[in-house]
PDB file of N, CA and C in Angstrom:
ATOM      1  N   UNK A   1     -47.074  60.041  -2.207  1.00  0.00           N
ATOM      2  CA  UNK A   1     -46.274  60.171  -0.728  1.00  0.00           C
ATOM      3  C   UNK A   1     -45.764  58.412  -0.705  1.00  0.00           C
ATOM      4  N   UNK A   2     -46.666  57.807  -1.156  1.00  0.00           N
ATOM      5  CA  UNK A   2     -46.040  56.752  -1.127  1.00  0.00           C
ATOM      6  C   UNK A   2     -45.198  56.272  -1.739  1.00  0.00           C
ATOM      7  N   UNK A   3     -44.661  56.682  -2.378  1.00  0.00           N
ATOM      8  CA  UNK A   3     -42.685  56.847  -3.414  1.00  0.00           C
ATOM      9  C   UNK A   3     -42.005  57.822  -2.318  1.00  0.00           C
ATOM     10  N   UNK A   4     -42.210  58.322  -1.544  1.00  0.00           N
ATOM     11  CA  UNK A   4     -41.704  58.864  -0.742  1.00  0.00           C
ATOM     12  C   UNK A   4     -40.900  58.136  -0.208  1.00  0.00           C
ATOM     13  N   UNK A   5     -42.569  58.004   1.018  1.00  0.00           N
ATOM     14  CA  UNK A   5     -41.847  56.651   1.507  1.00  0.00           C
ATOM     15  C   UNK A   5     -41.171  55.386   1.274  1.00  0.00           C
ATOM     16  N   UNK A   6     -41.461  54.637   0.228  1.00  0.00           N
ATOM     17  CA  UNK A   6     -40.817  53.729   0.103  1.00  0.00           C
ATOM     18  C   UNK A   6     -39.084  54.304  -0.554  1.00  0.00           C
ATOM     19  N   UNK A   7     -38.403  55.497  -1.170  1.00  0.00           N
ATOM     20  CA  UNK A   7     -37.331  56.031  -1.471  1.00  0.00           C
ATOM     21  C   UNK A   7     -36.806  55.793  -0.315  1.00  0.00           C
ATOM     22  N   UNK A   8     -37.495  56.755   1.079  1.00  0.00           N
ATOM     23  CA  UNK A   8     -36.509  56.858   2.158  1.00  0.00           C
ATOM     24  C   UNK A   8     -36.345  55.731   2.683  1.00  0.00           C
ATOM     25  N   UNK A   9     -36.886  54.830   2.808  1.00  0.00           N
ATOM     26  CA  UNK A   9     -37.137  53.152   3.063  1.00  0.00           C
ATOM     27  C   UNK A   9     -35.493  52.705   2.433  1.00  0.00           C
ATOM     28  N   UNK A  10     -35.268  53.491   1.375  1.00  0.00           N
ATOM     29  CA  UNK A  10     -34.829  52.384   0.422  1.00  0.00           C
ATOM     30  C   UNK A  10     -32.647  52.613   0.915  1.00  0.00           C
ATOM     31  N   UNK A  11     -33.480  54.826   0.362  1.00  0.00           N
ATOM     32  CA  UNK A  11     -32.320  55.044   1.299  1.00  0.00           C
ATOM     33  C   UNK A  11     -31.471  54.552   2.596  1.00  0.00           C
ATOM     34  N   UNK A  12     -32.187  54.341   3.689  1.00  0.00           N
ATOM     35  CA  UNK A  12     -31.619  53.785   4.454  1.00  0.00           C
ATOM     36  C   UNK A  12     -31.349  51.875   4.104  1.00  0.00           C
ATOM     37  N   UNK A  13     -32.051  51.549   3.614  1.00  0.00           N
ATOM     38  CA  UNK A  13     -30.911  50.552   3.305  1.00  0.00           C
ATOM     39  C   UNK A  13     -30.215  50.162   2.452  1.00  0.00           C
ATOM     40  N   UNK A  14     -29.748  51.337   2.001  1.00  0.00           N
ATOM     41  CA  UNK A  14     -28.794  51.417   0.526  1.00  0.00           C
ATOM     42  C   UNK A  14     -27.755  51.554   2.003  1.00  0.00           C
ATOM     43  N   UNK A  15     -27.949  52.758   2.907  1.00  0.00           N
ATOM     44  CA  UNK A  15     -27.095  53.175   4.045  1.00  0.00           C
ATOM     45  C   UNK A  15     -26.435  51.945   4.565  1.00  0.00           C
ATOM     46  N   UNK A  16     -27.663  51.259   5.119  1.00  0.00           N
ATOM     47  CA  UNK A  16     -26.798  49.909   5.719  1.00  0.00           C
ATOM     48  C   UNK A  16     -26.381  48.632   4.892  1.00  0.00           C
ATOM     49  N   UNK A  17     -26.344  49.107   3.628  1.00  0.00           N
ATOM     50  CA  UNK A  17     -25.758  48.188   3.136  1.00  0.00           C
ATOM     51  C   UNK A  17     -26.092  46.833   2.941  1.00  0.00           C
ATOM     52  N   UNK A  18     -27.369  46.913   2.413  1.00  0.00           N
ATOM     53  CA  UNK A  18     -28.437  45.841   2.861  1.00  0.00           C
ATOM     54  C   UNK A  18     -28.761  44.744   1.281  1.00  0.00           C
ATOM     55  N   UNK A  19     -28.588  43.832   0.977  1.00  0.00           N
ATOM     56  CA  UNK A  19     -28.041  43.639  -0.582  1.00  0.00           C
ATOM     57  C   UNK A  19     -29.377  44.175  -2.000  1.00  0.00           C
ATOM     58  N   UNK A  20     -29.370  44.180  -2.446  1.00  0.00           N
ATOM     59  CA  UNK A  20     -29.620  44.739  -4.005  1.00  0.00           C
ATOM     60  C   UNK A  20     -31.022  43.500  -3.696  1.00  0.00           C
ATOM     61  N   UNK A  21     -30.812  42.573  -2.992  1.00  0.00           N
ATOM     62  CA  UNK A  21     -31.933  41.421  -3.204  1.00  0.00           C
ATOM     63  C   UNK A  21     -32.622  41.632  -2.232  1.00  0.00           C
ATOM     64  N   UNK A  22     -32.963  42.447  -1.647  1.00  0.00           N
ATOM     65  CA  UNK A  22     -33.742  42.638  -0.236  1.00  0.00           C
ATOM     66  C   UNK A  22     -34.548  43.916  -0.657  1.00  0.00           C
ATOM     67  N   UNK A  23     -34.450  44.394  -1.528  1.00  0.00           N
ATOM     68  CA  UNK A  23     -35.030  45.759  -2.273  1.00  0.00           C
ATOM     69  C   UNK A  23     -35.853  45.449  -3.640  1.00  0.00           C
ATOM     70  N   UNK A  24     -36.647  44.684  -2.904  1.00  0.00           N
ATOM     71  CA  UNK A  24     -37.502  43.612  -3.785  1.00  0.00           C
ATOM     72  C   UNK A  24     -37.938  44.219  -5.227  1.00  0.00           C
ATOM     73  N   UNK A  25     -37.544  45.502  -5.676  1.00  0.00           N
ATOM     74  CA  UNK A  25     -37.988  45.253  -7.020  1.00  0.00           C
ATOM     75  C   UNK A  25     -36.811  46.410  -7.901  1.00  0.00           C
ATOM     76  N   UNK A  26     -37.328  46.120  -9.047  1.00  0.00           N
ATOM     77  CA  UNK A  26     -36.649  47.375  -9.880  1.00  0.00           C
ATOM     78  C   UNK A  26     -37.194  48.836 -10.081  1.00  0.00           C
ATOM     79  N   UNK A  27     -38.590  48.379  -9.355  1.00  0.00           N
ATOM     80  CA  UNK A  27     -39.133  49.931  -9.262  1.00  0.00           C
ATOM     81  C   UNK A  27     -38.458  50.533  -8.241  1.00  0.00           C
ATOM     82  N   UNK A  28     -38.540  49.503  -7.188  1.00  0.00           N
ATOM     83  CA  UNK A  28     -37.549  50.653  -5.859  1.00  0.00           C
ATOM     84  C   UNK A  28     -36.440  50.715  -6.115  1.00  0.00           C
ATOM     85  N   UNK A  29     -35.746  50.501  -6.764  1.00  0.00           N
ATOM     86  CA  UNK A  29     -34.125  50.814  -7.452  1.00  0.00           C
ATOM     87  C   UNK A  29     -33.706  51.997  -8.712  1.00  0.00           C
ATOM     88  N   UNK A  30     -35.129  51.921  -9.340  1.00  0.00           N
ATOM     89  CA  UNK A  30     -35.530  53.298 -10.188  1.00  0.00           C
ATOM     90  C   UNK A  30     -35.547  54.734  -9.333  1.00  0.00           C
ATOM     91  N   UNK A  31     -36.675  54.022  -7.988  1.00  0.00           N
ATOM     92  CA  UNK A  31     -37.011  54.990  -7.069  1.00  0.00           C
ATOM     93  C   UNK A  31     -36.078  55.540  -6.391  1.00  0.00           C
ATOM     94  N   UNK A  32     -34.946  54.190  -5.959  1.00  0.00           N
ATOM     95  CA  UNK A  32     -33.831  54.605  -5.322  1.00  0.00           C
ATOM     96  C   UNK A  32     -32.297  55.438  -5.392  1.00  0.00           C
ATOM     97  N   UNK A  33     -33.014  55.390  -7.038  1.00  0.00           N
ATOM     98  CA  UNK A  33     -31.880  56.275  -7.660  1.00  0.00           C
ATOM     99  C   UNK A  33     -31.918  57.495  -8.063  1.00  0.00           C
ATOM    100  N   UNK A  34     -33.233  57.876  -7.885  1.00  0.00           N
ATOM    101  CA  UNK A  34     -34.077  59.189  -7.949  1.00  0.00           C
ATOM    102  C   UNK A  34     -34.595  60.201  -6.607  1.00  0.00           C
ATOM    103  N   UNK A  35     -34.320  59.053  -5.778  1.00  0.00           N
ATOM    104  CA  UNK A  35     -33.990  59.604  -4.232  1.00  0.00           C
ATOM    105  C   UNK A  35     -32.366  60.535  -4.844  1.00  0.00           C
ATOM    106  N   UNK A  36     -31.635  59.924  -4.513  1.00  0.00           N
ATOM    107  CA  UNK A  36     -30.053  60.460  -4.780  1.00  0.00           C
ATOM    108  C   UNK A  36     -30.247  61.349  -6.108  1.00  0.00           C
ATOM    109  N   UNK A  37     -31.211  61.064  -6.978  1.00  0.00           N
ATOM    110  CA  UNK A  37     -30.709  62.152  -8.128  1.00  0.00           C
ATOM    111  C   UNK A  37     -32.082  62.440  -8.507  1.00  0.00           C
ATOM    112  N   UNK A  38     -32.519  63.518  -8.089  1.00  0.00           N
ATOM    113  CA  UNK A  38     -34.068  63.756  -8.585  1.00  0.00           C
ATOM    114  C   UNK A  38     -34.118  64.417  -9.376  1.00  0.00           C
ATOM    115  N   UNK A  39     -33.271  65.100 -10.519  1.00  0.00           N
ATOM    116  CA  UNK A  39     -33.103  65.560 -11.329  1.00  0.00           C
ATOM    117  C   UNK A  39     -32.647  64.883 -12.904  1.00  0.00           C
ATOM    118  N   UNK A  40     -32.618  63.760 -12.426  1.00  0.00           N
ATOM    119  CA  UNK A  40     -32.063  62.613 -13.453  1.00  0.00           C
ATOM    120  C   UNK A  40     -32.827  62.433 -14.715  1.00  0.00           C
ATOM    121  N   UNK A  41     -33.157  62.080 -15.556  1.00  0.00           N
ATOM    122  CA  UNK A  41     -33.716  61.802 -16.742  1.00  0.00           C
ATOM    123  C   UNK A  41     -32.649  60.827 -17.588  1.00  0.00           C
ATOM    124  N   UNK A  42     -34.083  59.967 -18.354  1.00  0.00           N
ATOM    125  CA  UNK A  42     -32.788  59.111 -19.013  1.00  0.00           C
ATOM    126  C   UNK A  42     -33.835  57.898 -19.972  1.00  0.00           C
ATOM    127  N   UNK A  43     -33.010  57.145 -20.500  1.00  0.00           N
ATOM    128  CA  UNK A  43     -33.846  56.887 -21.474  1.00  0.00           C
ATOM    129  C   UNK A  43     -34.160  55.265 -21.349  1.00  0.00           C
ATOM    130  N   UNK A  44     -34.949  54.083 -21.392  1.00  0.00           N
ATOM    131  CA  UNK A  44     -35.122  53.144 -20.853  1.00  0.00           C
ATOM    132  C   UNK A  44     -33.420  52.139 -20.796  1.00  0.00           C
ATOM    133  N   UNK A  45     -32.770  52.449 -22.214  1.00  0.00           N
ATOM    134  CA  UNK A  45     -32.030  51.969 -21.734  1.00  0.00           C
ATOM    135  C   UNK A  45     -30.461  52.557 -21.130  1.00  0.00           C
ATOM    136  N   UNK A  46     -30.392  54.059 -20.732  1.00  0.00           N
ATOM    137  CA  UNK A  46     -29.430  54.180 -20.249  1.00  0.00           C
ATOM    138  C   UNK A  46     -30.631  54.316 -18.745  1.00  0.00           C
ATOM    139  N   UNK A  47     -31.497  53.903 -17.876  1.00  0.00           N
ATOM    140  CA  UNK A  47     -31.311  53.920 -16.910  1.00  0.00           C
ATOM    141  C   UNK A  47     -30.981  52.510 -16.808  1.00  0.00           C
ATOM    142  N   UNK A  48     -31.315  51.894 -17.677  1.00  0.00           N
ATOM    143  CA  UNK A  48     -30.703  49.874 -17.290  1.00  0.00           C
ATOM    144  C   UNK A  48     -28.806  50.618 -16.908  1.00  0.00           C
ATOM    145  N   UNK A  49     -28.308  51.042 -17.970  1.00  0.00           N
ATOM    146  CA  UNK A  49     -27.029  51.396 -17.656  1.00  0.00           C
ATOM    147  C   UNK A  49     -26.836  51.482 -16.795  1.00  0.00           C
ATOM    148  N   UNK A  50     -27.360  52.952 -16.865  1.00  0.00           N
ATOM    149  CA  UNK A  50     -26.172  54.262 -15.317  1.00  0.00           C
ATOM    150  C   UNK A  50     -27.005  53.834 -14.465  1.00  0.00           C
ATOM    151  N   UNK A  51     -28.433  53.896 -14.340  1.00  0.00           N
ATOM    152  CA  UNK A  51     -29.074  54.413 -12.395  1.00  0.00           C
ATOM    153  C   UNK A  51     -29.106  52.743 -12.333  1.00  0.00           C
ATOM    154  N   UNK A  52     -29.145  51.598 -12.627  1.00  0.00           N
ATOM    155  CA  UNK A  52     -29.276  50.589 -12.272  1.00  0.00           C
ATOM    156  C   UNK A  52     -28.207  49.871 -11.877  1.00  0.00           C
ATOM    157  N   UNK A  53     -26.759  49.659 -13.258  1.00  0.00           N
ATOM    158  CA  UNK A  53     -25.941  48.805 -12.841  1.00  0.00           C
ATOM    159  C   UNK A  53     -25.174  50.001 -11.748  1.00  0.00           C
ATOM    160  N   UNK A  54     -25.406  51.518 -12.007  1.00  0.00           N
ATOM    161  CA  UNK A  54     -24.296  52.196 -10.921  1.00  0.00           C
ATOM    162  C   UNK A  54     -24.505  51.523  -9.707  1.00  0.00           C
ATOM    163  N   UNK A  55     -26.097  51.694  -9.693  1.00  0.00           N
ATOM    164  CA  UNK A  55     -25.838  51.173  -7.700  1.00  0.00           C
ATOM    165  C   UNK A  55     -25.384  49.745  -7.403  1.00  0.00           C
ATOM    166  N   UNK A  56     -25.633  49.022  -8.479  1.00  0.00           N
ATOM    167  CA  UNK A  56     -25.310  47.456  -8.083  1.00  0.00           C
ATOM    168  C   UNK A  56     -23.797  47.365  -7.809  1.00  0.00           C
ATOM    169  N   UNK A  57     -22.850  48.387  -8.752  1.00  0.00           N
ATOM    170  CA  UNK A  57     -21.541  48.408  -8.742  1.00  0.00           C
ATOM    171  C   UNK A  57     -21.094  48.588  -7.651  1.00  0.00           C
ATOM    172  N   UNK A  58     -22.006  49.427  -6.921  1.00  0.00           N
ATOM    173  CA  UNK A  58     -21.435  50.370  -5.654  1.00  0.00           C
ATOM    174  C   UNK A  58     -21.859  49.702  -4.317  1.00  0.00           C
ATOM    175  N   UNK A  59     -22.647  48.910  -4.682  1.00  0.00           N
ATOM    176  CA  UNK A  59     -22.842  47.540  -3.540  1.00  0.00           C
ATOM    177  C   UNK A  59     -22.067  46.620  -3.646  1.00  0.00           C
ATOM    178  N   UNK A  60     -21.434  46.288  -5.349  1.00  0.00           N
ATOM    179  CA  UNK A  60     -20.514  44.892  -5.257  1.00  0.00           C
ATOM    180  C   UNK A  60     -19.591  45.095  -4.478  1.00  0.00           C
ATOM    181  N   UNK A  61     -18.702  46.611  -4.633  1.00  0.00           N
ATOM    182  CA  UNK A  61     -17.490  47.089  -4.442  1.00  0.00           C
ATOM    183  C   UNK A  61     -17.196  47.401  -3.066  1.00  0.00           C
ATOM    184  N   UNK A  62     -18.775  47.339  -2.085  1.00  0.00           N
ATOM    185  CA  UNK A  62     -18.665  47.043  -0.772  1.00  0.00           C
ATOM    186  C   UNK A  62     -18.402  46.005  -0.138  1.00  0.00           C
ATOM    187  N   UNK A  63     -19.029  44.858  -1.118  1.00  0.00           N
ATOM    188  CA  UNK A  63     -18.579  43.616  -0.671  1.00  0.00           C
ATOM    189  C   UNK A  63     -17.283  43.531  -1.120  1.00  0.00           C
ATOM    190  N   UNK A  64     -16.740  43.524  -2.123  1.00  0.00           N
ATOM    191  CA  UNK A  64     -15.326  43.181  -3.058  1.00  0.00           C
ATOM    192  C   UNK A  64     -14.113  44.278  -2.246  1.00  0.00           C
ATOM    193  N   UNK A  65     -14.604  44.743  -1.039  1.00  0.00           N
ATOM    194  CA  UNK A  65     -13.512  45.376  -0.305  1.00  0.00           C
ATOM    195  C   UNK A  65     -13.551  44.856   1.077  1.00  0.00           C
ATOM    196  N   UNK A  66     -14.965  44.095   1.509  1.00  0.00           N
ATOM    197  CA  UNK A  66     -14.826  43.953   2.449  1.00  0.00           C
ATOM    198  C   UNK A  66     -13.843  42.342   2.942  1.00  0.00           C
ATOM    199  N   UNK A  67     -14.621  42.025   1.394  1.00  0.00           N
ATOM    200  CA  UNK A  67     -13.897  40.061   1.175  1.00  0.00           C
ATOM    201  C   UNK A  67     -12.051  41.194   1.134  1.00  0.00           C
ATOM    202  N   UNK A  68     -11.559  41.680  -0.130  1.00  0.00           N
ATOM    203  CA  UNK A  68     -10.403  41.367   0.206  1.00  0.00           C
ATOM    204  C   UNK A  68      -9.500  42.744   2.082  1.00  0.00           C
ATOM    205  N   UNK A  69      -9.913  43.068   2.375  1.00  0.00           N
ATOM    206  CA  UNK A  69      -9.708  43.474   3.545  1.00  0.00           C
ATOM    207  C   UNK A  69      -9.674  41.610   4.435  1.00  0.00           C
ATOM    208  N   UNK A  70     -10.490  41.339   4.385  1.00  0.00           N
ATOM    209  CA  UNK A  70     -10.219  39.761   5.322  1.00  0.00           C
ATOM    210  C   UNK A  70      -9.220  39.032   4.699  1.00  0.00           C
ATOM    211  N   UNK A  71      -9.595  39.198   3.489  1.00  0.00           N
ATOM    212  CA  UNK A  71      -8.163  37.964   2.950  1.00  0.00           C
ATOM    213  C   UNK A  71      -7.057  38.421   2.834  1.00  0.00           C
ATOM    214  N   UNK A  72      -6.393  40.140   3.106  1.00  0.00           N
ATOM    215  CA  UNK A  72      -4.874  40.700   3.634  1.00  0.00           C
ATOM    216  C   UNK A  72      -4.656  40.370   5.013  1.00  0.00           C
ATOM    217  N   UNK A  73      -6.331  40.675   5.755  1.00  0.00           N
ATOM    218  CA  UNK A  73      -6.047  40.225   7.347  1.00  0.00           C
ATOM    219  C   UNK A  73      -5.237  38.769   8.052  1.00  0.00           C
ATOM    220  N   UNK A  74      -6.134  38.150   7.214  1.00  0.00           N
ATOM    221  CA  UNK A  74      -5.802  36.489   7.072  1.00  0.00           C
ATOM    222  C   UNK A  74      -4.065  36.264   6.290  1.00  0.00           C
ATOM    223  N   UNK A  75      -3.715  36.987   5.958  1.00  0.00           N
ATOM    224  CA  UNK A  75      -2.515  36.744   4.617  1.00  0.00           C
ATOM    225  C   UNK A  75      -2.129  35.953   3.752  1.00  0.00           C
ATOM    226  N   UNK A  76      -3.351  35.800   3.033  1.00  0.00           N
ATOM    227  CA  UNK A  76      -3.828  35.613   1.597  1.00  0.00           C
ATOM    228  C   UNK A  76      -3.532  35.832   0.344  1.00  0.00           C
ATOM    229  N   UNK A  77      -3.611  37.725   0.328  1.00  0.00           N
ATOM    230  CA  UNK A  77      -3.378  38.422  -0.511  1.00  0.00           C
ATOM    231  C   UNK A  77      -2.361  39.010   0.066  1.00  0.00           C
ATOM    232  N   UNK A  78      -1.426  40.415  -0.645  1.00  0.00           N
ATOM    233  CA  UNK A  78      -0.837  41.518   0.386  1.00  0.00           C
ATOM    234  C   UNK A  78      -1.069  42.495  -0.763  1.00  0.00           C
ATOM    235  N   UNK A  79      -0.879  43.464  -0.290  1.00  0.00           N
ATOM    236  CA  UNK A  79      -1.285  44.662  -0.646  1.00  0.00           C
ATOM    237  C   UNK A  79      -0.263  45.441  -1.478  1.00  0.00           C
ATOM    238  N   UNK A  80      -0.389  45.655  -2.219  1.00  0.00           N
ATOM    239  CA  UNK A  80       1.123  46.304  -2.895  1.00  0.00           C
ATOM    240  C   UNK A  80       0.943  47.835  -3.394  1.00  0.00           C
ATOM    241  N   UNK A  81       1.740  48.778  -2.816  1.00  0.00           N
ATOM    242  CA  UNK A  81       0.988  50.399  -3.001  1.00  0.00           C
ATOM    243  C   UNK A  81       2.086  50.973  -4.434  1.00  0.00           C
ATOM    244  N   UNK A  82       1.267  51.302  -5.359  1.00  0.00           N
ATOM    245  CA  UNK A  82       2.115  52.218  -6.306  1.00  0.00           C
ATOM    246  C   UNK A  82       3.301  53.658  -6.089  1.00  0.00           C
ATOM    247  N   UNK A  83       3.127  53.798  -7.145  1.00  0.00           N
ATOM    248  CA  UNK A  83       3.708  54.866  -6.726  1.00  0.00           C
ATOM    249  C   UNK A  83       2.892  56.303  -6.590  1.00  0.00           C
ATOM    250  N   UNK A  84       1.525  55.750  -7.271  1.00  0.00           N
ATOM    251  CA  UNK A  84       0.674  57.345  -7.399  1.00  0.00           C
ATOM    252  C   UNK A  84      -0.039  56.858  -6.506  1.00  0.00           C
ATOM    253  N   UNK A  85      -0.253  56.466  -4.708  1.00  0.00           N
ATOM    254  CA  UNK A  85      -0.833  55.450  -4.015  1.00  0.00           C
ATOM    255  C   UNK A  85      -2.097  54.716  -4.460  1.00  0.00           C
ATOM    256  N   UNK A  86      -1.955  53.897  -5.104  1.00  0.00           N
ATOM    257  CA  UNK A  86      -3.060  53.089  -6.096  1.00  0.00           C
ATOM    258  C   UNK A  86      -2.652  52.038  -5.018  1.00  0.00           C
ATOM    259  N   UNK A  87      -3.344  51.269  -4.927  1.00  0.00           N
ATOM    260  CA  UNK A  87      -3.125  50.008  -4.033  1.00  0.00           C
ATOM    261  C   UNK A  87      -3.404  48.621  -5.201  1.00  0.00           C
ATOM    262  N   UNK A  88      -2.845  47.674  -5.408  1.00  0.00           N
ATOM    263  CA  UNK A  88      -2.834  46.098  -5.920  1.00  0.00           C
ATOM    264  C   UNK A  88      -3.014  45.111  -5.093  1.00  0.00           C
ATOM    265  N   UNK A  89      -3.745  44.178  -5.506  1.00  0.00           N
ATOM    266  CA  UNK A  89      -3.809  43.229  -4.682  1.00  0.00           C
ATOM    267  C   UNK A  89      -3.016  42.339  -5.334  1.00  0.00           C
ATOM    268  N   UNK A  90      -2.703  41.214  -4.206  1.00  0.00           N
ATOM    269  CA  UNK A  90      -2.573  39.737  -5.374  1.00  0.00           C
ATOM    270  C   UNK A  90      -1.851  38.346  -4.576  1.00  0.00           C
ATOM    271  N   UNK A  91      -2.029  37.358  -5.049  1.00  0.00           N
ATOM    272  CA  UNK A  91      -1.443  36.509  -3.813  1.00  0.00           C
ATOM    273  C   UNK A  91      -0.368  36.428  -3.194  1.00  0.00           C
ATOM    274  N   UNK A  92      -0.114  36.030  -1.751  1.00  0.00           N
ATOM    275  CA  UNK A  92       0.707  36.362  -0.762  1.00  0.00           C
ATOM    276  C   UNK A  92       1.359  35.162  -1.366  1.00  0.00           C
ATOM    277  N   UNK A  93       3.151  35.063  -1.575  1.00  0.00           N
ATOM    278  CA  UNK A  93       3.779  33.805  -2.814  1.00  0.00           C
ATOM    279  C   UNK A  93       3.706  33.220  -0.945  1.00  0.00           C
ATOM    280  N   UNK A  94       4.605  33.494  -0.045  1.00  0.00           N
ATOM    281  CA  UNK A  94       4.014  32.864   1.384  1.00  0.00           C
ATOM    282  C   UNK A  94       2.995  31.717   1.858  1.00  0.00           C
ATOM    283  N   UNK A  95       1.520  32.015   0.816  1.00  0.00           N
ATOM    284  CA  UNK A  95       1.091  31.190   1.310  1.00  0.00           C
ATOM    285  C   UNK A  95       0.681  30.542   0.369  1.00  0.00           C
ATOM    286  N   UNK A  96       1.422  30.307  -0.840  1.00  0.00           N
ATOM    287  CA  UNK A  96       1.130  30.160  -2.337  1.00  0.00           C
ATOM    288  C   UNK A  96       0.789  28.122  -1.974  1.00  0.00           C
ATOM    289  N   UNK A  97       1.642  27.261  -1.287  1.00  0.00           N
ATOM    290  CA  UNK A  97       1.450  25.633  -1.333  1.00  0.00           C
ATOM    291  C   UNK A  97      -0.359  25.730  -0.444  1.00  0.00           C
ATOM    292  N   UNK A  98      -0.665  26.475   0.784  1.00  0.00           N
ATOM    293  CA  UNK A  98      -1.767  26.539   1.046  1.00  0.00           C
ATOM    294  C   UNK A  98      -2.695  26.953   0.136  1.00  0.00           C
ATOM    295  N   UNK A  99      -2.982  27.633  -0.209  1.00  0.00           N
ATOM    296  CA  UNK A  99      -3.847  28.500  -1.282  1.00  0.00           C
ATOM    297  C   UNK A  99      -3.999  27.025  -2.762  1.00  0.00           C
ATOM    298  N   UNK A 100      -2.737  26.268  -3.020  1.00  0.00           N
ATOM    299  CA  UNK A 100      -3.140  25.387  -3.929  1.00  0.00           C
ATOM    300  C   UNK A 100      -4.209  24.098  -3.389  1.00  0.00           C
ATOM    301  N   UNK A 101      -3.957  23.836  -1.987  1.00  0.00           N
ATOM    302  CA  UNK A 101      -4.551  23.001  -1.271  1.00  0.00           C
ATOM    303  C   UNK A 101      -5.508  23.491  -1.199  1.00  0.00           C
ATOM    304  N   UNK A 102      -6.237  24.324  -0.573  1.00  0.00           N
ATOM    305  CA  UNK A 102      -7.499  25.054  -0.701  1.00  0.00           C
ATOM    306  C   UNK A 102      -8.234  25.064  -1.800  1.00  0.00           C
ATOM    307  N   UNK A 103      -7.434  25.341  -3.104  1.00  0.00           N
ATOM    308  CA  UNK A 103      -8.020  25.544  -3.990  1.00  0.00           C
ATOM    309  C   UNK A 103      -8.190  23.769  -4.976  1.00  0.00           C
ATOM    310  N   UNK A 104      -7.833  23.376  -4.266  1.00  0.00           N
ATOM    311  CA  UNK A 104      -8.243  21.657  -5.136  1.00  0.00           C
ATOM    312  C   UNK A 104      -9.158  20.952  -4.066  1.00  0.00           C
ATOM    313  N   UNK A 105      -9.299  21.310  -2.755  1.00  0.00           N
ATOM    314  CA  UNK A 105     -10.611  21.272  -1.890  1.00  0.00           C
ATOM    315  C   UNK A 105     -11.602  21.480  -2.465  1.00  0.00           C
ATOM    316  N   UNK A 106     -11.293  22.806  -3.051  1.00  0.00           N
ATOM    317  CA  UNK A 106     -13.004  23.240  -3.526  1.00  0.00           C
ATOM    318  C   UNK A 106     -13.409  22.775  -4.876  1.00  0.00           C
ATOM    319  N   UNK A 107     -12.555  22.444  -5.746  1.00  0.00           N
ATOM    320  CA  UNK A 107     -13.586  21.850  -6.713  1.00  0.00           C
ATOM    321  C   UNK A 107     -13.113  20.347  -6.886  1.00  0.00           C
ATOM    322  N   UNK A 108     -13.590  19.439  -5.286  1.00  0.00           N
ATOM    323  CA  UNK A 108     -13.723  18.212  -5.402  1.00  0.00           C
ATOM    324  C   UNK A 108     -15.013  18.313  -4.552  1.00  0.00           C
TER     325      UNK A 108
END
């Protein structure tokens, strides 16, 4: 019963976008994966590579998306829409001078 409780709590945490660091342990990450994929089975290498890594990538993707959207909103980067509806991002050339100044301040 305890594992059901932990998995449900982890599902809520995942849905709320809480960082992996707040989920206490690898044990909980494994239970979270199994909660989402109850028929899953794998080797130790597979669990590490596919189960844990896929959850971390999913979490990081949400963080990266939020950061990129903020940078677009502030004009630091621009969206370039490709032929097949893919979107690429790059530094806004109009902000080049500001960008160089900002980066030089970071390195000091």
